[in-house]
Amino acid sequence: MRPKEDILPECPVALTVAMIGSKWKLLIMRNLLSRPWRFNELQKSIEGISQKSLTGALRSMEEDGIVARTVYPEVPPRVEYSLTELGESMRPIIKAMEAWGTVYQARAERG
């Protein structure tokens, strides 16, 4: 959940963790780095996430300006989620996490 404006952490690392630190938010962002996604696509692609958790994370990220929600006037309505410019600015951080995880996996496999 997003910290309230008047109680934002002073530490930049703590602020970043407060904004995107949940495992669900990071996995959602990982997916949205590639393209816009629909809700059901996101839910199917993120193992273990419930509809309630996904809805809450997306709403929080939308409130924080990280994710944009676009509703297309079709029948039935089509809704897509994408990263905003602010969300896109997290790309190098998430890519660095991916690179670190890849190196760690390789070391773990070697024993």
C-alpha atoms as a PDB file:
ATOM      1  CA  MET A   1       0.000   0.000   0.000  1.00  0.00           C
ATOM      2  CA  ARG A   2       1.193   3.489  -0.759  1.00  0.00           C
ATOM      3  CA  PRO A   3       2.403   5.569   2.146  1.00  0.00           C
ATOM      4  CA  LYS A   4       0.401   8.724   2.768  1.00  0.00           C
ATOM      5  CA  GLU A   5       1.964  11.914   1.415  1.00  0.00           C
ATOM      6  CA  ASP A   6       2.622  13.300   4.891  1.00  0.00           C
ATOM      7  CA  ILE A   7       4.439  10.166   6.070  1.00  0.00           C
ATOM      8  CA  LEU A   8       6.666   9.382   3.097  1.00  0.00           C
ATOM      9  CA  PRO A   9       9.934   7.816   4.223  1.00  0.00           C
ATOM     10  CA  GLU A  10      12.893  10.196   4.130  1.00  0.00           C
ATOM     11  CA  CYS A  11      15.232   7.456   2.917  1.00  0.00           C
ATOM     12  CA  PRO A  12      15.005   7.066  -0.898  1.00  0.00           C
ATOM     13  CA  VAL A  13      15.477   3.292  -0.676  1.00  0.00           C
ATOM     14  CA  ALA A  14      12.681   2.998   1.897  1.00  0.00           C
ATOM     15  CA  LEU A  15      10.445   5.143  -0.305  1.00  0.00           C
ATOM     16  CA  THR A  16      11.094   2.905  -3.327  1.00  0.00           C
ATOM     17  CA  VAL A  17      10.352  -0.209  -1.269  1.00  0.00           C
ATOM     18  CA  ALA A  18       7.146   1.379   0.014  1.00  0.00           C
ATOM     19  CA  MET A  19       6.021   2.160  -3.541  1.00  0.00           C
ATOM     20  CA  ILE A  20       6.875  -1.088  -5.343  1.00  0.00           C
ATOM     21  CA  GLY A  21       8.275  -3.436  -2.719  1.00  0.00           C
ATOM     22  CA  SER A  22       5.598  -6.100  -2.684  1.00  0.00           C
ATOM     23  CA  LYS A  23       6.302  -9.211  -4.701  1.00  0.00           C
ATOM     24  CA  TRP A  24       3.064  -8.740  -6.620  1.00  0.00           C
ATOM     25  CA  LYS A  25       3.861  -5.197  -7.700  1.00  0.00           C
ATOM     26  CA  LEU A  26       7.300  -6.193  -8.922  1.00  0.00           C
ATOM     27  CA  LEU A  27       5.892  -9.116 -10.910  1.00  0.00           C
ATOM     28  CA  ILE A  28       3.168  -6.925 -12.396  1.00  0.00           C
ATOM     29  CA  MET A  29       5.793  -4.374 -13.418  1.00  0.00           C
ATOM     30  CA  ARG A  30       7.970  -7.133 -14.877  1.00  0.00           C
ATOM     31  CA  ASN A  31       5.099  -8.102 -17.178  1.00  0.00           C
ATOM     32  CA  LEU A  32       4.121  -4.552 -18.064  1.00  0.00           C
ATOM     33  CA  LEU A  33       7.674  -3.786 -19.173  1.00  0.00           C
ATOM     34  CA  SER A  34       7.014  -5.861 -22.294  1.00  0.00           C
ATOM     35  CA  ARG A  35       3.581  -4.528 -23.343  1.00  0.00           C
ATOM     36  CA  PRO A  36       0.133  -3.535 -22.054  1.00  0.00           C
ATOM     37  CA  TRP A  37      -1.756  -6.399 -20.430  1.00  0.00           C
ATOM     38  CA  ARG A  38      -5.396  -7.121 -19.677  1.00  0.00           C
ATOM     39  CA  PHE A  39      -6.437  -8.051 -16.151  1.00  0.00           C
ATOM     40  CA  ASN A  40      -7.109 -11.734 -16.845  1.00  0.00           C
ATOM     41  CA  GLU A  41      -3.811 -12.089 -18.721  1.00  0.00           C
ATOM     42  CA  LEU A  42      -1.936 -10.669 -15.751  1.00  0.00           C
ATOM     43  CA  GLN A  43      -3.737 -12.918 -13.301  1.00  0.00           C
ATOM     44  CA  LYS A  44      -2.994 -16.048 -15.349  1.00  0.00           C
ATOM     45  CA  SER A  45       0.662 -15.112 -15.811  1.00  0.00           C
ATOM     46  CA  ILE A  46       1.427 -14.453 -12.134  1.00  0.00           C
ATOM     47  CA  GLU A  47       1.310 -17.739 -10.270  1.00  0.00           C
ATOM     48  CA  GLY A  48      -0.443 -17.542  -6.915  1.00  0.00           C
ATOM     49  CA  ILE A  49      -1.938 -14.048  -7.175  1.00  0.00           C
ATOM     50  CA  SER A  50      -5.583 -13.750  -6.251  1.00  0.00           C
ATOM     51  CA  GLN A  51      -8.062 -11.492  -8.016  1.00  0.00           C
ATOM     52  CA  LYS A  52      -8.285  -9.372  -4.859  1.00  0.00           C
ATOM     53  CA  SER A  53      -4.493  -8.983  -4.591  1.00  0.00           C
ATOM     54  CA  LEU A  54      -4.131  -8.114  -8.270  1.00  0.00           C
ATOM     55  CA  THR A  55      -6.948  -5.582  -8.098  1.00  0.00           C
ATOM     56  CA  GLY A  56      -5.458  -3.965  -4.992  1.00  0.00           C
ATOM     57  CA  ALA A  57      -1.950  -3.815  -6.421  1.00  0.00           C
ATOM     58  CA  LEU A  58      -3.126  -2.343  -9.731  1.00  0.00           C
ATOM     59  CA  ARG A  59      -5.267   0.283  -7.971  1.00  0.00           C
ATOM     60  CA  SER A  60      -2.406   1.256  -5.694  1.00  0.00           C
ATOM     61  CA  MET A  61       0.031   1.483  -8.595  1.00  0.00           C
ATOM     62  CA  GLU A  62      -2.475   3.547 -10.576  1.00  0.00           C
ATOM     63  CA  GLU A  63      -2.920   5.946  -7.626  1.00  0.00           C
ATOM     64  CA  ASP A  64       0.864   6.267  -7.381  1.00  0.00           C
ATOM     65  CA  GLY A  65       1.173   7.103 -11.082  1.00  0.00           C
ATOM     66  CA  ILE A  66       3.130   3.940 -11.937  1.00  0.00           C
ATOM     67  CA  VAL A  67       0.409   2.180 -13.957  1.00  0.00           C
ATOM     68  CA  ALA A  68      -2.122   3.578 -16.413  1.00  0.00           C
ATOM     69  CA  ARG A  69      -5.540   1.977 -16.842  1.00  0.00           C
ATOM     70  CA  THR A  70      -7.091   2.402 -20.294  1.00  0.00           C
ATOM     71  CA  VAL A  71     -10.731   1.514 -20.902  1.00  0.00           C
ATOM     72  CA  TYR A  72     -11.701   0.968 -24.540  1.00  0.00           C
ATOM     73  CA  PRO A  73     -15.339   1.726 -25.436  1.00  0.00           C
ATOM     74  CA  GLU A  74     -16.214  -1.710 -26.754  1.00  0.00           C
ATOM     75  CA  VAL A  75     -18.835  -4.275 -25.864  1.00  0.00           C
ATOM     76  CA  PRO A  76     -17.798  -5.840 -23.597  1.00  0.00           C
ATOM     77  CA  PRO A  77     -15.438  -3.081 -22.375  1.00  0.00           C
ATOM     78  CA  ARG A  78     -11.752  -3.864 -22.777  1.00  0.00           C
ATOM     79  CA  VAL A  79      -9.371  -2.633 -20.091  1.00  0.00           C
ATOM     80  CA  GLU A  80      -5.594  -2.631 -20.443  1.00  0.00           C
ATOM     81  CA  TYR A  81      -2.888  -1.796 -17.958  1.00  0.00           C
ATOM     82  CA  SER A  82       0.429  -0.283 -18.977  1.00  0.00           C
ATOM     83  CA  LEU A  83       3.339   1.480 -17.352  1.00  0.00           C
ATOM     84  CA  THR A  84       3.370   5.246 -17.194  1.00  0.00           C
ATOM     85  CA  GLU A  85       6.535   7.228 -17.784  1.00  0.00           C
ATOM     86  CA  LEU A  86       7.197   6.981 -14.045  1.00  0.00           C
ATOM     87  CA  GLY A  87       6.687   3.211 -14.170  1.00  0.00           C
ATOM     88  CA  GLU A  88       8.979   2.942 -17.197  1.00  0.00           C
ATOM     89  CA  SER A  89      11.686   4.713 -15.206  1.00  0.00           C
ATOM     90  CA  MET A  90      11.872   1.552 -13.056  1.00  0.00           C
ATOM     91  CA  ARG A  91      13.035  -0.525 -16.063  1.00  0.00           C
ATOM     92  CA  PRO A  92      16.777  -0.368 -15.214  1.00  0.00           C
ATOM     93  CA  ILE A  93      16.086  -1.385 -11.613  1.00  0.00           C
ATOM     94  CA  ILE A  94      13.945  -4.364 -12.569  1.00  0.00           C
ATOM     95  CA  LYS A  95      16.437  -5.404 -15.260  1.00  0.00           C
ATOM     96  CA  ALA A  96      19.230  -5.217 -12.664  1.00  0.00           C
ATOM     97  CA  MET A  97      17.165  -7.448 -10.356  1.00  0.00           C
ATOM     98  CA  GLU A  98      16.667  -9.893 -13.234  1.00  0.00           C
ATOM     99  CA  ALA A  99      20.407  -9.951 -13.978  1.00  0.00           C
ATOM    100  CA  TRP A 100      21.258 -10.505 -10.310  1.00  0.00           C
ATOM    101  CA  GLY A 101      18.714 -13.333 -10.058  1.00  0.00           C
ATOM    102  CA  THR A 102      20.128 -14.990 -13.185  1.00  0.00           C
ATOM    103  CA  VAL A 103      23.664 -14.923 -11.750  1.00  0.00           C
ATOM    104  CA  TYR A 104      22.426 -16.253  -8.412  1.00  0.00           C
ATOM    105  CA  GLN A 105      20.521 -19.092 -10.102  1.00  0.00           C
ATOM    106  CA  ALA A 106      23.595 -20.076 -12.095  1.00  0.00           C
ATOM    107  CA  ARG A 107      25.754 -20.141  -8.947  1.00  0.00           C
ATOM    108  CA  ALA A 108      23.141 -22.161  -7.054  1.00  0.00           C
ATOM    109  CA  GLU A 109      22.972 -24.728  -9.861  1.00  0.00           C
ATOM    110  CA  ARG A 110      26.764 -25.168  -9.788  1.00  0.00           C
ATOM    111  CA  GLY A 111      26.573 -25.875  -6.081  1.00  0.00           C
END
